[in-house]
Amino acid sequence: RVFEGGGSLRARAGAYGKLDLFCEKGTPEGDLLERGEEVLKVYCGLPEAYRKITDPLISEAVEGMILYQKRKLNSGGGVFQTEDFEDLEKYCYYVAGVVGKMLTRIFCLKKRIAPFAGKLEKYEVSFGLALQLTNIAKDFDKDLKRGWFYIPKTFVTPEFLAENPEAGRKKILRKLVPAVIPYFDASLDYIKALPLAETS
């Protein structure tokens, strides 16, 4: 609700203040939630053109993340795991594909980039997914310790990995790397579609 309807800072802060926030104190997440109104103040200081782009996409990302949080809660305190690669892609879309869309629309506000919007939009989601899938591939051990195992059940289970660490890691990489390569190809196409003068 904080990001719906393009409200003023006062309206957004009012909606934020009514949220029933829960997060462990002293963690980065807890600090962020406690200081949410300060973050909103900075966010509302951004140009309105940016907020018009980001508001609906933030809402979309939040709605998607809620689905996965609910699944984690319904797992009864066990380890959350994605079902298959399609489920993993869907999760990655909400946490990073939406960011690819957001960045593209912000980039295309620049006159030198706007003519390339069509080509950038073709690859914008893949660009975000490539980054997120890379994070998942390199951090699955850390994520598992927190109770989140994004590697699909069709690839390997946490139990198999615990009993066969070396074989489990090889299995993950053998299955994940070929699935991720097309996203890297699309990311390269995305980068090449940006004008060379736009190094920033």
C-alpha atoms as a PDB file:
ATOM      1  CA  ARG A   1       0.000   0.000   0.000  1.00  0.00           C
ATOM      2  CA  VAL A   2       2.971   2.303   0.622  1.00  0.00           C
ATOM      3  CA  PHE A   3       3.770   2.183  -3.107  1.00  0.00           C
ATOM      4  CA  GLU A   4       0.235   2.215  -4.519  1.00  0.00           C
ATOM      5  CA  GLY A   5      -1.304   5.316  -6.048  1.00  0.00           C
ATOM      6  CA  GLY A   6       1.794   7.535  -6.063  1.00  0.00           C
ATOM      7  CA  GLY A   7       0.990   9.079  -2.680  1.00  0.00           C
ATOM      8  CA  SER A   8       2.763  11.946  -0.933  1.00  0.00           C
ATOM      9  CA  LEU A   9       5.508  11.313   1.622  1.00  0.00           C
ATOM     10  CA  ARG A  10       2.956  11.934   4.384  1.00  0.00           C
ATOM     11  CA  ALA A  11       0.528   9.353   2.958  1.00  0.00           C
ATOM     12  CA  ARG A  12       3.295   6.798   2.407  1.00  0.00           C
ATOM     13  CA  ALA A  13       4.751   7.318   5.901  1.00  0.00           C
ATOM     14  CA  GLY A  14       1.253   6.993   7.363  1.00  0.00           C
ATOM     15  CA  ALA A  15       0.722   3.652   5.585  1.00  0.00           C
ATOM     16  CA  TYR A  16       4.201   2.498   6.621  1.00  0.00           C
ATOM     17  CA  GLY A  17       3.617   3.442  10.262  1.00  0.00           C
ATOM     18  CA  LYS A  18       0.585   1.144  10.373  1.00  0.00           C
ATOM     19  CA  LEU A  19       2.518  -1.931   9.222  1.00  0.00           C
ATOM     20  CA  ASP A  20       2.936  -4.738  11.707  1.00  0.00           C
ATOM     21  CA  LEU A  21       6.672  -5.154  11.190  1.00  0.00           C
ATOM     22  CA  PHE A  22       8.570  -8.172  12.394  1.00  0.00           C
ATOM     23  CA  CYS A  23      12.295  -8.591  12.041  1.00  0.00           C
ATOM     24  CA  GLU A  24      15.167  -9.616  14.242  1.00  0.00           C
ATOM     25  CA  LYS A  25      16.657  -6.597  16.022  1.00  0.00           C
ATOM     26  CA  GLY A  26      20.258  -5.726  15.261  1.00  0.00           C
ATOM     27  CA  THR A  27      20.195  -7.296  11.778  1.00  0.00           C
ATOM     28  CA  PRO A  28      20.547  -5.298   8.540  1.00  0.00           C
ATOM     29  CA  GLU A  29      16.925  -6.199   7.719  1.00  0.00           C
ATOM     30  CA  GLY A  30      15.763  -5.073  11.175  1.00  0.00           C
ATOM     31  CA  ASP A  31      17.653  -1.772  10.868  1.00  0.00           C
ATOM     32  CA  LEU A  32      16.130  -1.173   7.435  1.00  0.00           C
ATOM     33  CA  LEU A  33      12.592  -1.795   8.709  1.00  0.00           C
ATOM     34  CA  GLU A  34      13.097   0.374  11.795  1.00  0.00           C
ATOM     35  CA  ARG A  35      14.353   3.225   9.631  1.00  0.00           C
ATOM     36  CA  GLY A  36      11.800   2.711   6.865  1.00  0.00           C
ATOM     37  CA  GLU A  37      10.360   6.197   7.158  1.00  0.00           C
ATOM     38  CA  GLU A  38      13.845   7.677   6.574  1.00  0.00           C
ATOM     39  CA  VAL A  39      14.167   5.499   3.467  1.00  0.00           C
ATOM     40  CA  LEU A  40      10.766   6.718   2.250  1.00  0.00           C
ATOM     41  CA  LYS A  41      11.886  10.334   2.754  1.00  0.00           C
ATOM     42  CA  VAL A  42      14.886   9.716   0.475  1.00  0.00           C
ATOM     43  CA  TYR A  43      12.703   7.797  -2.001  1.00  0.00           C
ATOM     44  CA  CYS A  44      10.207  10.676  -2.191  1.00  0.00           C
ATOM     45  CA  GLY A  45      13.134  12.996  -2.916  1.00  0.00           C
ATOM     46  CA  LEU A  46      13.779  11.154  -6.189  1.00  0.00           C
ATOM     47  CA  PRO A  47      12.400  12.725  -9.384  1.00  0.00           C
ATOM     48  CA  GLU A  48       8.704  11.956  -9.840  1.00  0.00           C
ATOM     49  CA  ALA A  49       9.443  10.366 -13.230  1.00  0.00           C
ATOM     50  CA  TYR A  50      11.479   7.675 -11.452  1.00  0.00           C
ATOM     51  CA  ARG A  51       8.797   7.049  -8.837  1.00  0.00           C
ATOM     52  CA  LYS A  52       6.114   6.671 -11.514  1.00  0.00           C
ATOM     53  CA  ILE A  53       8.222   3.851 -12.978  1.00  0.00           C
ATOM     54  CA  THR A  54       9.253   2.194  -9.724  1.00  0.00           C
ATOM     55  CA  ASP A  55       6.036   2.360  -7.663  1.00  0.00           C
ATOM     56  CA  PRO A  56       4.059  -0.269  -9.643  1.00  0.00           C
ATOM     57  CA  LEU A  57       7.125  -2.477 -10.105  1.00  0.00           C
ATOM     58  CA  ILE A  58       7.940  -2.402  -6.381  1.00  0.00           C
ATOM     59  CA  SER A  59       4.325  -3.422  -5.731  1.00  0.00           C
ATOM     60  CA  GLU A  60       4.638  -6.272  -8.236  1.00  0.00           C
ATOM     61  CA  ALA A  61       7.870  -7.493  -6.628  1.00  0.00           C
ATOM     62  CA  VAL A  62       6.358  -7.348  -3.131  1.00  0.00           C
ATOM     63  CA  GLU A  63       3.231  -9.268  -4.197  1.00  0.00           C
ATOM     64  CA  GLY A  64       5.435 -11.973  -5.718  1.00  0.00           C
ATOM     65  CA  MET A  65       7.749 -12.197  -2.718  1.00  0.00           C
ATOM     66  CA  ILE A  66       4.717 -12.604  -0.452  1.00  0.00           C
ATOM     67  CA  LEU A  67       3.857 -15.833  -2.324  1.00  0.00           C
ATOM     68  CA  TYR A  68       7.265 -17.310  -1.489  1.00  0.00           C
ATOM     69  CA  GLN A  69       7.204 -16.067   2.111  1.00  0.00           C
ATOM     70  CA  LYS A  70       3.801 -17.759   2.564  1.00  0.00           C
ATOM     71  CA  ARG A  71       5.172 -20.993   1.132  1.00  0.00           C
ATOM     72  CA  LYS A  72       8.090 -20.797   3.570  1.00  0.00           C
ATOM     73  CA  LEU A  73       5.680 -20.233   6.489  1.00  0.00           C
ATOM     74  CA  ASN A  74       3.532 -23.155   5.324  1.00  0.00           C
ATOM     75  CA  SER A  75       6.583 -25.427   5.262  1.00  0.00           C
ATOM     76  CA  GLY A  76       6.235 -25.670   9.051  1.00  0.00           C
ATOM     77  CA  GLY A  77       9.644 -24.245   9.846  1.00  0.00           C
ATOM     78  CA  GLY A  78      11.429 -26.600   7.478  1.00  0.00           C
ATOM     79  CA  VAL A  79      13.731 -25.701   4.616  1.00  0.00           C
ATOM     80  CA  PHE A  80      12.025 -23.921   1.744  1.00  0.00           C
ATOM     81  CA  GLN A  81      12.965 -25.271  -1.688  1.00  0.00           C
ATOM     82  CA  THR A  82      11.787 -24.365  -5.183  1.00  0.00           C
ATOM     83  CA  GLU A  83       9.966 -27.172  -6.996  1.00  0.00           C
ATOM     84  CA  ASP A  84      11.614 -27.062 -10.419  1.00  0.00           C
ATOM     85  CA  PHE A  85      13.541 -24.679 -12.663  1.00  0.00           C
ATOM     86  CA  GLU A  86      10.334 -22.929 -13.752  1.00  0.00           C
ATOM     87  CA  ASP A  87       9.521 -22.214 -10.098  1.00  0.00           C
ATOM     88  CA  LEU A  88      13.061 -20.892  -9.565  1.00  0.00           C
ATOM     89  CA  GLU A  89      12.705 -18.617 -12.623  1.00  0.00           C
ATOM     90  CA  LYS A  90       9.419 -17.282 -11.237  1.00  0.00           C
ATOM     91  CA  TYR A  91      11.064 -16.496  -7.891  1.00  0.00           C
ATOM     92  CA  CYS A  92      14.000 -14.815  -9.665  1.00  0.00           C
ATOM     93  CA  TYR A  93      11.579 -12.762 -11.751  1.00  0.00           C
ATOM     94  CA  TYR A  94      10.061 -11.210  -8.621  1.00  0.00           C
ATOM     95  CA  VAL A  95      13.380 -10.439  -6.938  1.00  0.00           C
ATOM     96  CA  ALA A  96      15.476  -9.481  -9.981  1.00  0.00           C
ATOM     97  CA  GLY A  97      13.556  -9.624 -13.280  1.00  0.00           C
ATOM     98  CA  VAL A  98      11.353  -6.786 -12.060  1.00  0.00           C
ATOM     99  CA  VAL A  99      14.540  -4.834 -11.272  1.00  0.00           C
ATOM    100  CA  GLY A 100      15.678  -5.389 -14.884  1.00  0.00           C
ATOM    101  CA  LYS A 101      12.399  -3.833 -16.063  1.00  0.00           C
ATOM    102  CA  MET A 102      12.797  -0.962 -13.600  1.00  0.00           C
ATOM    103  CA  LEU A 103      16.350  -0.154 -14.688  1.00  0.00           C
ATOM    104  CA  THR A 104      15.446  -0.321 -18.378  1.00  0.00           C
ATOM    105  CA  ARG A 105      12.569   2.123 -17.988  1.00  0.00           C
ATOM    106  CA  ILE A 106      14.759   4.503 -15.986  1.00  0.00           C
ATOM    107  CA  PHE A 107      17.608   4.211 -18.517  1.00  0.00           C
ATOM    108  CA  CYS A 108      15.173   4.937 -21.350  1.00  0.00           C
ATOM    109  CA  LEU A 109      14.276   8.306 -19.822  1.00  0.00           C
ATOM    110  CA  LYS A 110      17.622   9.448 -21.286  1.00  0.00           C
ATOM    111  CA  LYS A 111      17.304  10.762 -24.849  1.00  0.00           C
ATOM    112  CA  ARG A 112      20.358   8.830 -26.063  1.00  0.00           C
ATOM    113  CA  ILE A 113      18.981   5.519 -24.763  1.00  0.00           C
ATOM    114  CA  ALA A 114      15.253   5.938 -25.564  1.00  0.00           C
ATOM    115  CA  PRO A 115      15.628   4.892 -29.255  1.00  0.00           C
ATOM    116  CA  PHE A 116      16.944   1.482 -28.081  1.00  0.00           C
ATOM    117  CA  ALA A 117      14.021   0.805 -25.708  1.00  0.00           C
ATOM    118  CA  GLY A 118      12.544  -2.008 -27.836  1.00  0.00           C
ATOM    119  CA  LYS A 119      15.776  -3.984 -27.897  1.00  0.00           C
ATOM    120  CA  LEU A 120      16.513  -3.409 -24.201  1.00  0.00           C
ATOM    121  CA  GLU A 121      12.996  -4.466 -23.208  1.00  0.00           C
ATOM    122  CA  LYS A 122      13.488  -7.738 -25.087  1.00  0.00           C
ATOM    123  CA  TYR A 123      16.327  -8.676 -22.722  1.00  0.00           C
ATOM    124  CA  GLU A 124      15.503  -6.726 -19.528  1.00  0.00           C
ATOM    125  CA  VAL A 125      14.066  -9.644 -17.525  1.00  0.00           C
ATOM    126  CA  SER A 126      16.826 -12.053 -18.594  1.00  0.00           C
ATOM    127  CA  PHE A 127      19.408  -9.478 -17.511  1.00  0.00           C
ATOM    128  CA  GLY A 128      17.955  -9.445 -13.982  1.00  0.00           C
ATOM    129  CA  LEU A 129      17.566 -13.233 -13.856  1.00  0.00           C
ATOM    130  CA  ALA A 130      21.194 -13.811 -14.865  1.00  0.00           C
ATOM    131  CA  LEU A 131      22.398 -11.779 -11.891  1.00  0.00           C
ATOM    132  CA  GLN A 132      20.048 -13.493  -9.425  1.00  0.00           C
ATOM    133  CA  LEU A 133      20.782 -17.013 -10.671  1.00  0.00           C
ATOM    134  CA  THR A 134      24.499 -16.269 -10.271  1.00  0.00           C
ATOM    135  CA  ASN A 135      23.903 -15.233  -6.647  1.00  0.00           C
ATOM    136  CA  ILE A 136      21.933 -18.422  -6.037  1.00  0.00           C
ATOM    137  CA  ALA A 137      24.670 -20.592  -7.570  1.00  0.00           C
ATOM    138  CA  LYS A 138      27.399 -19.051  -5.419  1.00  0.00           C
ATOM    139  CA  ASP A 139      25.440 -18.641  -2.159  1.00  0.00           C
ATOM    140  CA  PHE A 140      23.303 -21.792  -1.894  1.00  0.00           C
ATOM    141  CA  ASP A 141      25.281 -23.022   1.162  1.00  0.00           C
ATOM    142  CA  LYS A 142      24.666 -19.752   3.041  1.00  0.00           C
ATOM    143  CA  ASP A 143      21.006 -19.671   2.003  1.00  0.00           C
ATOM    144  CA  LEU A 144      20.501 -23.253   3.186  1.00  0.00           C
ATOM    145  CA  LYS A 145      21.769 -22.328   6.657  1.00  0.00           C
ATOM    146  CA  ARG A 146      18.991 -19.696   6.782  1.00  0.00           C
ATOM    147  CA  GLY A 147      16.376 -22.270   5.755  1.00  0.00           C
ATOM    148  CA  TRP A 148      16.110 -21.233   2.087  1.00  0.00           C
ATOM    149  CA  PHE A 149      17.286 -23.598  -0.654  1.00  0.00           C
ATOM    150  CA  TYR A 150      16.507 -22.079  -4.026  1.00  0.00           C
ATOM    151  CA  ILE A 151      18.068 -24.967  -5.972  1.00  0.00           C
ATOM    152  CA  PRO A 152      15.094 -26.896  -7.434  1.00  0.00           C
ATOM    153  CA  LYS A 153      14.032 -30.258  -5.976  1.00  0.00           C
ATOM    154  CA  THR A 154      14.400 -31.692  -9.487  1.00  0.00           C
ATOM    155  CA  PHE A 155      18.135 -30.848  -9.298  1.00  0.00           C
ATOM    156  CA  VAL A 156      19.079 -31.983  -5.786  1.00  0.00           C
ATOM    157  CA  THR A 157      17.609 -32.105  -2.269  1.00  0.00           C
ATOM    158  CA  PRO A 158      19.190 -30.626   0.881  1.00  0.00           C
ATOM    159  CA  GLU A 159      19.344 -34.169   2.293  1.00  0.00           C
ATOM    160  CA  PHE A 160      21.334 -35.447  -0.686  1.00  0.00           C
ATOM    161  CA  LEU A 161      23.675 -32.455  -0.415  1.00  0.00           C
ATOM    162  CA  ALA A 162      24.214 -33.059   3.325  1.00  0.00           C
ATOM    163  CA  GLU A 163      25.034 -36.747   2.762  1.00  0.00           C
ATOM    164  CA  ASN A 164      27.064 -36.232  -0.443  1.00  0.00           C
ATOM    165  CA  PRO A 165      28.491 -32.667  -0.345  1.00  0.00           C
ATOM    166  CA  GLU A 166      30.918 -33.019  -3.257  1.00  0.00           C
ATOM    167  CA  ALA A 167      28.559 -34.994  -5.501  1.00  0.00           C
ATOM    168  CA  GLY A 168      25.694 -32.622  -4.566  1.00  0.00           C
ATOM    169  CA  ARG A 169      27.676 -29.522  -5.561  1.00  0.00           C
ATOM    170  CA  LYS A 170      28.690 -31.095  -8.875  1.00  0.00           C
ATOM    171  CA  LYS A 171      25.084 -32.067  -9.556  1.00  0.00           C
ATOM    172  CA  ILE A 172      23.905 -28.501  -8.878  1.00  0.00           C
ATOM    173  CA  LEU A 173      26.489 -26.995 -11.218  1.00  0.00           C
ATOM    174  CA  ARG A 174      25.899 -29.600 -13.959  1.00  0.00           C
ATOM    175  CA  LYS A 175      22.186 -28.789 -13.975  1.00  0.00           C
ATOM    176  CA  LEU A 176      22.242 -25.069 -13.182  1.00  0.00           C
ATOM    177  CA  VAL A 177      25.027 -23.789 -15.445  1.00  0.00           C
ATOM    178  CA  PRO A 178      23.470 -24.932 -18.771  1.00  0.00           C
ATOM    179  CA  ALA A 179      20.111 -23.506 -17.667  1.00  0.00           C
ATOM    180  CA  VAL A 180      21.713 -20.139 -16.829  1.00  0.00           C
ATOM    181  CA  ILE A 181      23.862 -19.705 -19.976  1.00  0.00           C
ATOM    182  CA  PRO A 182      20.971 -18.393 -22.161  1.00  0.00           C
ATOM    183  CA  TYR A 183      20.370 -15.673 -19.577  1.00  0.00           C
ATOM    184  CA  PHE A 184      24.005 -14.608 -19.825  1.00  0.00           C
ATOM    185  CA  ASP A 185      23.749 -14.513 -23.621  1.00  0.00           C
ATOM    186  CA  ALA A 186      20.676 -12.278 -23.284  1.00  0.00           C
ATOM    187  CA  SER A 187      22.527 -10.106 -20.729  1.00  0.00           C
ATOM    188  CA  LEU A 188      25.350  -9.594 -23.189  1.00  0.00           C
ATOM    189  CA  ASP A 189      22.803  -8.596 -25.862  1.00  0.00           C
ATOM    190  CA  TYR A 190      21.269  -6.158 -23.350  1.00  0.00           C
ATOM    191  CA  ILE A 191      24.661  -4.556 -22.612  1.00  0.00           C
ATOM    192  CA  LYS A 192      25.526  -4.364 -26.317  1.00  0.00           C
ATOM    193  CA  ALA A 193      22.203  -2.612 -27.007  1.00  0.00           C
ATOM    194  CA  LEU A 194      23.209   0.288 -24.744  1.00  0.00           C
ATOM    195  CA  PRO A 195      24.963   3.168 -26.569  1.00  0.00           C
ATOM    196  CA  LEU A 196      28.728   3.082 -26.068  1.00  0.00           C
ATOM    197  CA  ALA A 197      28.707   6.663 -24.801  1.00  0.00           C
ATOM    198  CA  GLU A 198      26.492   5.605 -21.873  1.00  0.00           C
ATOM    199  CA  THR A 199      29.248   4.025 -19.807  1.00  0.00           C
ATOM    200  CA  SER A 200      27.643   5.127 -16.526  1.00  0.00           C
END
